[in-house]
């Protein structure tokens, strides 16, 4: 019978390759390897949503599970692609262009200035639409059509008929966005589902149910009497 030490030495050539492969797999799952690199702009982030009543803005925490944490620049790109903005540390200090550092909030809630290249979770918030009403968010698509999301604070959420009447009451050309319009649907996704909102869409004539975009961006046909946010659209005005 071989001594125990000799047995261990004989097993090492078998154990080492298996251990090495297991280590590589663990590194890949944790983001330490290169075989599973992610694109922050297309990664299916798990998010948390917060509606802040003090500034009538919506805040979305991205990457709860730490699946694809980006650096500061890429985090800003993700927010911009959702028609939102990276939540600032302070309205004035965050806009200082002279600093090469970026604001970071630690898990203790303290704010620090650090390098911008480290991978970190991030929070996007809805942009202020400007004008007199902070509860209205605007957007213009590539065709020049104008969109207005009403009810950022959910106080203006209404039934389907109420939303349709409100939009047409804005003036010539204004209406709800038809659910079969691909360009319009994408615009409503940017305004609504990017903020985890549910919004009415325009139904076909004679259809008994009303279309709405759910918070996950999917189209659903439901009853028309529930209170829901809505988006009004006006096609590009030709002079």
Protein backbone atom coordinates (compact mmCIF):
# COMPACT_ATOMS: atom_id res chain seq x y z
CA UNK A 1 0.00 0.00 0.00
CA UNK A 2 1.37 3.41 -0.95
CA UNK A 3 1.94 6.04 1.74
CA UNK A 4 -0.78 8.75 1.89
CA UNK A 5 1.60 11.45 0.60
CA UNK A 6 2.42 9.45 -2.49
CA UNK A 7 -1.28 8.90 -3.16
CA UNK A 8 -1.90 12.68 -2.98
CA UNK A 9 0.93 13.36 -5.43
CA UNK A 10 -0.50 10.89 -7.87
CA UNK A 11 -3.91 12.51 -7.67
CA UNK A 12 -2.62 16.06 -8.19
CA UNK A 13 -2.31 15.86 -12.00
CA UNK A 14 -6.00 14.90 -12.11
CA UNK A 15 -7.23 17.40 -9.52
CA UNK A 16 -5.40 20.47 -10.79
CA UNK A 17 -7.03 20.71 -14.26
CA UNK A 18 -10.49 20.21 -12.74
CA UNK A 19 -9.83 22.82 -10.04
CA UNK A 20 -8.49 25.25 -12.62
CA UNK A 21 -11.58 24.83 -14.81
CA UNK A 22 -13.87 25.31 -11.79
CA UNK A 23 -12.02 28.48 -10.84
CA UNK A 24 -12.42 29.87 -14.36
CA UNK A 25 -16.15 29.13 -14.26
CA UNK A 26 -16.53 30.93 -10.94
CA UNK A 27 -14.62 33.93 -12.27
CA UNK A 28 -16.84 34.07 -15.34
CA UNK A 29 -20.02 33.93 -13.28
CA UNK A 30 -18.78 36.72 -11.04
CA UNK A 31 -17.71 38.88 -13.96
CA UNK A 32 -14.00 38.27 -13.42
CA UNK A 33 -13.47 36.42 -16.70
CA UNK A 34 -13.70 37.70 -20.25
CA UNK A 35 -15.93 35.00 -21.73
CA UNK A 36 -19.14 36.62 -20.50
CA UNK A 37 -18.55 40.31 -21.10
CA UNK A 38 -21.80 42.29 -21.11
CA UNK A 39 -23.10 45.34 -22.93
CA UNK A 40 -24.70 47.77 -20.43
CA UNK A 41 -26.93 49.22 -23.16
CA UNK A 42 -28.61 45.86 -23.89
CA UNK A 43 -28.21 43.96 -20.60
CA UNK A 44 -31.58 42.95 -19.01
CA UNK A 45 -31.07 44.75 -15.70
CA UNK A 46 -33.03 43.92 -12.57
CA UNK A 47 -34.27 47.27 -11.24
CA UNK A 48 -35.94 48.92 -8.26
CA UNK A 49 -38.26 51.92 -8.71
CA UNK A 50 -38.90 54.90 -6.41
CA UNK A 51 -41.36 57.75 -7.00
CA UNK A 52 -39.98 60.77 -5.13
CA UNK A 53 -42.83 63.10 -4.10
CA UNK A 54 -40.47 65.92 -3.12
CA UNK A 55 -39.27 66.61 -6.67
CA UNK A 56 -41.95 64.75 -8.67
CA UNK A 57 -39.27 62.63 -10.33
CA UNK A 58 -38.91 58.90 -10.67
CA UNK A 59 -35.70 57.12 -9.65
CA UNK A 60 -34.66 53.69 -10.94
CA UNK A 61 -31.85 51.64 -9.37
CA UNK A 62 -30.18 49.50 -12.04
CA UNK A 63 -28.37 46.19 -11.61
CA UNK A 64 -29.72 45.00 -8.27
CA UNK A 65 -28.06 41.61 -8.84
CA UNK A 66 -24.70 43.11 -9.94
CA UNK A 67 -24.90 41.32 -13.27
CA UNK A 68 -23.35 44.03 -15.45
CA UNK A 69 -22.05 46.96 -13.42
CA UNK A 70 -20.70 49.71 -15.72
CA UNK A 71 -18.29 52.57 -15.15
CA UNK A 72 -19.57 56.15 -14.82
CA UNK A 73 -19.54 56.90 -18.55
CA UNK A 74 -21.45 53.77 -19.52
CA UNK A 75 -23.94 54.27 -16.68
CA UNK A 76 -24.69 57.74 -18.04
CA UNK A 77 -25.19 56.24 -21.52
CA UNK A 78 -27.74 53.77 -20.14
CA UNK A 79 -29.67 56.60 -18.47
CA UNK A 80 -29.54 58.72 -21.63
CA UNK A 81 -30.77 55.81 -23.76
CA UNK A 82 -33.84 55.59 -21.50
CA UNK A 83 -34.48 59.34 -21.84
CA UNK A 84 -33.45 59.75 -18.19
CA UNK A 85 -30.41 61.23 -16.45
CA UNK A 86 -27.84 59.87 -14.02
CA UNK A 87 -29.00 60.95 -10.56
CA UNK A 88 -26.72 63.80 -9.37
CA UNK A 89 -24.95 64.12 -6.03
CA UNK A 90 -26.04 67.76 -5.93
CA UNK A 91 -27.57 69.96 -8.56
CA UNK A 92 -24.56 72.33 -8.74
CA UNK A 93 -21.60 70.17 -7.67
CA UNK A 94 -22.49 67.39 -10.10
CA UNK A 95 -22.21 69.75 -13.05
CA UNK A 96 -18.65 70.89 -12.26
CA UNK A 97 -16.65 70.18 -15.46
CA UNK A 98 -13.27 70.96 -13.87
CA UNK A 99 -13.06 67.71 -11.88
CA UNK A 100 -11.72 64.45 -13.32
CA UNK A 101 -13.38 62.49 -10.50
CA UNK A 102 -16.91 61.15 -10.17
CA UNK A 103 -19.33 61.13 -7.26
CA UNK A 104 -20.01 57.74 -5.68
CA UNK A 105 -22.29 56.84 -2.78
CA UNK A 106 -20.92 54.12 -0.49
CA UNK A 107 -23.07 51.42 1.10
CA UNK A 108 -23.04 53.52 4.28
CA UNK A 109 -24.69 56.39 2.40
CA UNK A 110 -21.58 58.61 2.32
CA UNK A 111 -20.71 60.49 -0.89
CA UNK A 112 -17.10 60.34 -2.15
CA UNK A 113 -15.16 61.66 -5.13
CA UNK A 114 -13.36 58.74 -6.78
CA UNK A 115 -12.10 57.50 -10.13
CA UNK A 116 -14.73 57.13 -12.84
CA UNK A 117 -13.61 53.77 -14.26
CA UNK A 118 -14.71 51.44 -11.47
CA UNK A 119 -17.82 49.25 -12.03
CA UNK A 120 -20.68 50.33 -9.75
CA UNK A 121 -24.47 50.09 -9.59
CA UNK A 122 -26.25 53.28 -10.63
CA UNK A 123 -29.50 55.25 -10.37
CA UNK A 124 -31.25 57.01 -13.24
CA UNK A 125 -33.96 59.58 -12.70
CA UNK A 126 -36.59 61.12 -14.97
CA UNK A 127 -35.71 64.43 -16.56
CA UNK A 128 -37.54 67.63 -15.73
CA UNK A 129 -39.72 68.45 -18.70
CA UNK A 130 -39.41 72.19 -18.23
CA UNK A 131 -42.27 74.65 -18.45
CA UNK A 132 -44.78 75.16 -15.67
CA UNK A 133 -45.68 71.54 -14.93
CA UNK A 134 -42.97 69.15 -13.65
CA UNK A 135 -45.47 66.28 -13.97
CA UNK A 136 -45.34 66.42 -17.78
CA UNK A 137 -42.49 64.69 -19.61
CA UNK A 138 -41.90 65.43 -23.30
CA UNK A 139 -40.23 63.60 -26.17
CA UNK A 140 -39.80 64.10 -29.93
CA UNK A 141 -39.21 61.14 -32.25
CA UNK A 142 -37.24 60.95 -35.50
CA UNK A 143 -40.31 61.96 -37.54
CA UNK A 144 -40.75 65.18 -35.60
CA UNK A 145 -43.86 64.00 -33.73
CA UNK A 146 -44.25 65.42 -30.24
CA UNK A 147 -45.15 63.29 -27.20
CA UNK A 148 -46.28 64.27 -23.72
CA UNK A 149 -46.45 61.88 -20.78
CA UNK A 150 -48.98 63.11 -18.24
CA UNK A 151 -49.24 62.09 -14.60
CA UNK A 152 -45.64 61.68 -13.50
CA UNK A 153 -46.90 61.70 -9.90
CA UNK A 154 -49.89 59.47 -10.86
CA UNK A 155 -52.37 62.15 -9.76
CA UNK A 156 -53.49 62.68 -13.36
CA UNK A 157 -53.95 58.97 -14.09
CA UNK A 158 -57.39 58.40 -15.60
CA UNK A 159 -59.64 55.97 -17.48
CA UNK A 160 -59.16 55.26 -21.17
CA UNK A 161 -62.01 57.58 -22.19
CA UNK A 162 -60.65 60.29 -19.90
CA UNK A 163 -57.18 60.01 -21.44
CA UNK A 164 -58.55 60.04 -25.01
CA UNK A 165 -60.69 63.11 -24.29
CA UNK A 166 -57.78 64.91 -22.63
CA UNK A 167 -55.47 64.35 -25.60
CA UNK A 168 -57.96 65.46 -28.24
CA UNK A 169 -58.76 68.47 -26.08
CA UNK A 170 -55.18 69.71 -26.41
CA UNK A 171 -55.89 70.88 -29.95
CA UNK A 172 -55.60 69.86 -33.59
CA UNK A 173 -53.62 66.68 -34.18
CA UNK A 174 -53.29 65.57 -30.55
CA UNK A 175 -54.43 62.03 -29.69
CA UNK A 176 -53.40 58.88 -27.86
CA UNK A 177 -50.67 56.81 -29.54
CA UNK A 178 -52.11 53.88 -31.60
CA UNK A 179 -50.87 50.56 -30.26
CA UNK A 180 -50.03 49.33 -33.77
CA UNK A 181 -47.73 52.25 -34.58
CA UNK A 182 -44.15 50.95 -34.22
CA UNK A 183 -42.48 54.38 -33.98
CA UNK A 184 -45.08 55.60 -31.52
CA UNK A 185 -44.85 52.40 -29.48
CA UNK A 186 -41.09 52.84 -29.14
CA UNK A 187 -41.59 56.45 -28.00
CA UNK A 188 -44.08 55.36 -25.34
CA UNK A 189 -41.59 52.74 -24.15
CA UNK A 190 -39.00 55.50 -23.65
CA UNK A 191 -41.48 57.60 -21.69
CA UNK A 192 -43.41 54.93 -19.77
CA UNK A 193 -41.89 51.47 -19.41
CA UNK A 194 -38.39 52.92 -18.99
CA UNK A 195 -39.79 54.37 -15.74
CA UNK A 196 -41.83 51.25 -14.94
CA UNK A 197 -45.05 53.13 -15.75
CA UNK A 198 -48.22 51.65 -17.25
CA UNK A 199 -49.74 53.87 -19.98
CA UNK A 200 -52.80 53.85 -22.21
CA UNK A 201 -52.51 53.37 -25.99
CA UNK A 202 -55.16 54.14 -28.61
CA UNK A 203 -57.48 51.22 -29.40
CA UNK A 204 -58.97 50.23 -32.74
CA UNK A 205 -62.54 51.34 -33.45
CA UNK A 206 -65.15 48.96 -32.08
CA UNK A 207 -62.72 46.92 -30.00
CA UNK A 208 -64.23 46.10 -26.56
CA UNK A 209 -60.95 46.17 -24.60
CA UNK A 210 -58.39 48.93 -24.24
CA UNK A 211 -54.68 48.55 -25.01
CA UNK A 212 -52.09 49.60 -22.51
CA UNK A 213 -48.34 49.30 -22.22
CA UNK A 214 -47.43 47.46 -19.03
CA UNK A 215 -44.49 48.50 -16.86
CA UNK A 216 -42.34 45.83 -18.53
CA UNK A 217 -43.02 47.29 -21.99
CA UNK A 218 -45.43 44.59 -23.17
CA UNK A 219 -48.79 45.27 -24.85
CA UNK A 220 -51.88 44.14 -22.93
CA UNK A 221 -55.61 44.34 -23.60
CA UNK A 222 -57.56 45.10 -20.43
CA UNK A 223 -60.64 46.80 -19.05
CA UNK A 224 -61.00 50.49 -19.85
CA UNK A 225 -62.06 51.87 -16.46
CA UNK A 226 -58.81 51.54 -14.49
CA UNK A 227 -56.80 54.65 -13.69
CA UNK A 228 -53.62 54.71 -15.78
CA UNK A 229 -51.04 57.25 -16.97
CA UNK A 230 -51.15 58.20 -20.65
CA UNK A 231 -49.14 59.72 -23.50
CA UNK A 232 -50.53 62.22 -26.00
CA UNK A 233 -48.97 62.64 -29.44
CA UNK A 234 -49.12 65.26 -32.17
CA UNK A 235 -47.61 64.56 -35.61
CA UNK A 236 -45.04 66.95 -36.98
CA UNK A 237 -46.65 70.22 -37.98
CA UNK A 238 -46.02 71.16 -41.62
CA UNK A 239 -45.88 74.93 -42.11
